[in-house]
Amino acid sequence: MATALVCMGCASTGDNLQRETARAIGGNVTPEQVTVSNIDRGATSVKWQAAAPGGRYACSADDMVRRVLCTKSR
């Protein structure tokens, strides 16, 4: 049980969120070009804000950072 609590959120590290955001945005954006902020980790999901050369994005995914959805903010 302690191991599960320690690893909760392991998949949603800053590096992983940068990489998956770049993949979701597309357009040859590299993870190094993405800045993530306002990371909100829940029990079964994670939400964050991202900035990239093409604009700002609101992103979300499940707790393992699969099924990433990023929508461009206005």
C-alpha atoms as a PDB file:
ATOM      1  CA  MET A   1       0.000   0.000   0.000  1.00  0.00           C
ATOM      2  CA  ALA A   2       2.809   2.438   0.823  1.00  0.00           C
ATOM      3  CA  THR A   3       4.353   1.885  -2.589  1.00  0.00           C
ATOM      4  CA  ALA A   4       1.087   2.836  -4.280  1.00  0.00           C
ATOM      5  CA  LEU A   5       0.931   6.056  -2.299  1.00  0.00           C
ATOM      6  CA  VAL A   6       4.548   6.939  -3.039  1.00  0.00           C
ATOM      7  CA  CYS A   7       4.140   6.385  -6.786  1.00  0.00           C
ATOM      8  CA  MET A   8       0.811   8.146  -7.092  1.00  0.00           C
ATOM      9  CA  GLY A   9       1.475  10.942  -9.567  1.00  0.00           C
ATOM     10  CA  CYS A  10       4.732   9.402 -10.832  1.00  0.00           C
ATOM     11  CA  ALA A  11       3.375   9.285 -14.373  1.00  0.00           C
ATOM     12  CA  SER A  12       2.496  12.971 -14.291  1.00  0.00           C
ATOM     13  CA  THR A  13       5.971  14.376 -13.743  1.00  0.00           C
ATOM     14  CA  GLY A  14       6.811  17.698 -15.353  1.00  0.00           C
ATOM     15  CA  ASP A  15       8.942  15.997 -18.006  1.00  0.00           C
ATOM     16  CA  ASN A  16       6.154  13.580 -18.927  1.00  0.00           C
ATOM     17  CA  LEU A  17       3.621  16.401 -19.124  1.00  0.00           C
ATOM     18  CA  GLN A  18       5.926  18.406 -21.399  1.00  0.00           C
ATOM     19  CA  ARG A  19       6.435  15.418 -23.689  1.00  0.00           C
ATOM     20  CA  GLU A  20       2.750  14.466 -23.870  1.00  0.00           C
ATOM     21  CA  THR A  21       1.689  18.091 -24.364  1.00  0.00           C
ATOM     22  CA  ALA A  22       4.089  18.427 -27.298  1.00  0.00           C
ATOM     23  CA  ARG A  23       2.696  15.198 -28.763  1.00  0.00           C
ATOM     24  CA  ALA A  24      -0.927  16.364 -28.323  1.00  0.00           C
ATOM     25  CA  ILE A  25      -0.263  19.806 -29.821  1.00  0.00           C
ATOM     26  CA  GLY A  26       1.663  18.440 -32.801  1.00  0.00           C
ATOM     27  CA  GLY A  27       3.109  20.743 -35.430  1.00  0.00           C
ATOM     28  CA  ASN A  28       6.751  19.860 -34.720  1.00  0.00           C
ATOM     29  CA  VAL A  29       6.625  21.211 -31.153  1.00  0.00           C
ATOM     30  CA  THR A  30       9.364  19.653 -29.029  1.00  0.00           C
ATOM     31  CA  PRO A  31       9.020  18.941 -25.297  1.00  0.00           C
ATOM     32  CA  GLU A  32      11.754  21.519 -24.617  1.00  0.00           C
ATOM     33  CA  GLN A  33       9.516  24.207 -26.141  1.00  0.00           C
ATOM     34  CA  VAL A  34       6.656  23.443 -23.730  1.00  0.00           C
ATOM     35  CA  THR A  35       6.302  25.003 -20.290  1.00  0.00           C
ATOM     36  CA  VAL A  36       3.768  23.439 -17.910  1.00  0.00           C
ATOM     37  CA  SER A  37       2.175  25.121 -14.899  1.00  0.00           C
ATOM     38  CA  ASN A  38      -0.794  24.867 -12.532  1.00  0.00           C
ATOM     39  CA  ILE A  39      -0.559  21.068 -12.333  1.00  0.00           C
ATOM     40  CA  ASP A  40      -3.624  19.671 -10.547  1.00  0.00           C
ATOM     41  CA  ARG A  41      -3.264  15.964  -9.779  1.00  0.00           C
ATOM     42  CA  GLY A  42      -6.441  14.147  -8.789  1.00  0.00           C
ATOM     43  CA  ALA A  43      -6.986  10.526  -7.826  1.00  0.00           C
ATOM     44  CA  THR A  44      -7.803   9.488 -11.403  1.00  0.00           C
ATOM     45  CA  SER A  45      -6.827  12.469 -13.547  1.00  0.00           C
ATOM     46  CA  VAL A  46      -4.390  15.325 -13.979  1.00  0.00           C
ATOM     47  CA  LYS A  47      -4.978  18.813 -15.404  1.00  0.00           C
ATOM     48  CA  TRP A  48      -2.407  21.442 -16.300  1.00  0.00           C
ATOM     49  CA  GLN A  49      -1.767  24.608 -18.270  1.00  0.00           C
ATOM     50  CA  ALA A  50       0.851  24.681 -20.995  1.00  0.00           C
ATOM     51  CA  ALA A  51       2.606  27.337 -23.046  1.00  0.00           C
ATOM     52  CA  ALA A  52       4.250  26.565 -26.374  1.00  0.00           C
ATOM     53  CA  PRO A  53       5.364  28.601 -29.397  1.00  0.00           C
ATOM     54  CA  GLY A  54       1.854  28.263 -30.900  1.00  0.00           C
ATOM     55  CA  GLY A  55       0.021  29.610 -27.840  1.00  0.00           C
ATOM     56  CA  ARG A  56      -1.369  28.622 -24.465  1.00  0.00           C
ATOM     57  CA  TYR A  57      -3.270  25.386 -23.818  1.00  0.00           C
ATOM     58  CA  ALA A  58      -5.496  23.794 -21.181  1.00  0.00           C
ATOM     59  CA  CYS A  59      -4.627  20.103 -20.940  1.00  0.00           C
ATOM     60  CA  SER A  60      -5.965  17.053 -19.154  1.00  0.00           C
ATOM     61  CA  ALA A  61      -5.339  13.320 -19.021  1.00  0.00           C
ATOM     62  CA  ASP A  62      -5.978  10.270 -16.901  1.00  0.00           C
ATOM     63  CA  ASP A  63      -3.678   9.625 -13.933  1.00  0.00           C
ATOM     64  CA  MET A  64      -1.230   7.656 -16.118  1.00  0.00           C
ATOM     65  CA  VAL A  65      -1.045  10.521 -18.654  1.00  0.00           C
ATOM     66  CA  ARG A  66      -2.777   8.611 -21.400  1.00  0.00           C
ATOM     67  CA  ARG A  67      -5.539  10.060 -23.546  1.00  0.00           C
ATOM     68  CA  VAL A  68      -4.106  13.569 -23.349  1.00  0.00           C
ATOM     69  CA  LEU A  69      -6.362  16.368 -24.524  1.00  0.00           C
ATOM     70  CA  CYS A  70      -5.024  19.891 -24.997  1.00  0.00           C
ATOM     71  CA  THR A  71      -7.265  22.707 -26.175  1.00  0.00           C
ATOM     72  CA  LYS A  72      -5.954  26.087 -27.211  1.00  0.00           C
ATOM     73  CA  SER A  73      -6.856  28.858 -24.778  1.00  0.00           C
ATOM     74  CA  ARG A  74      -8.029  32.226 -26.006  1.00  0.00           C
END
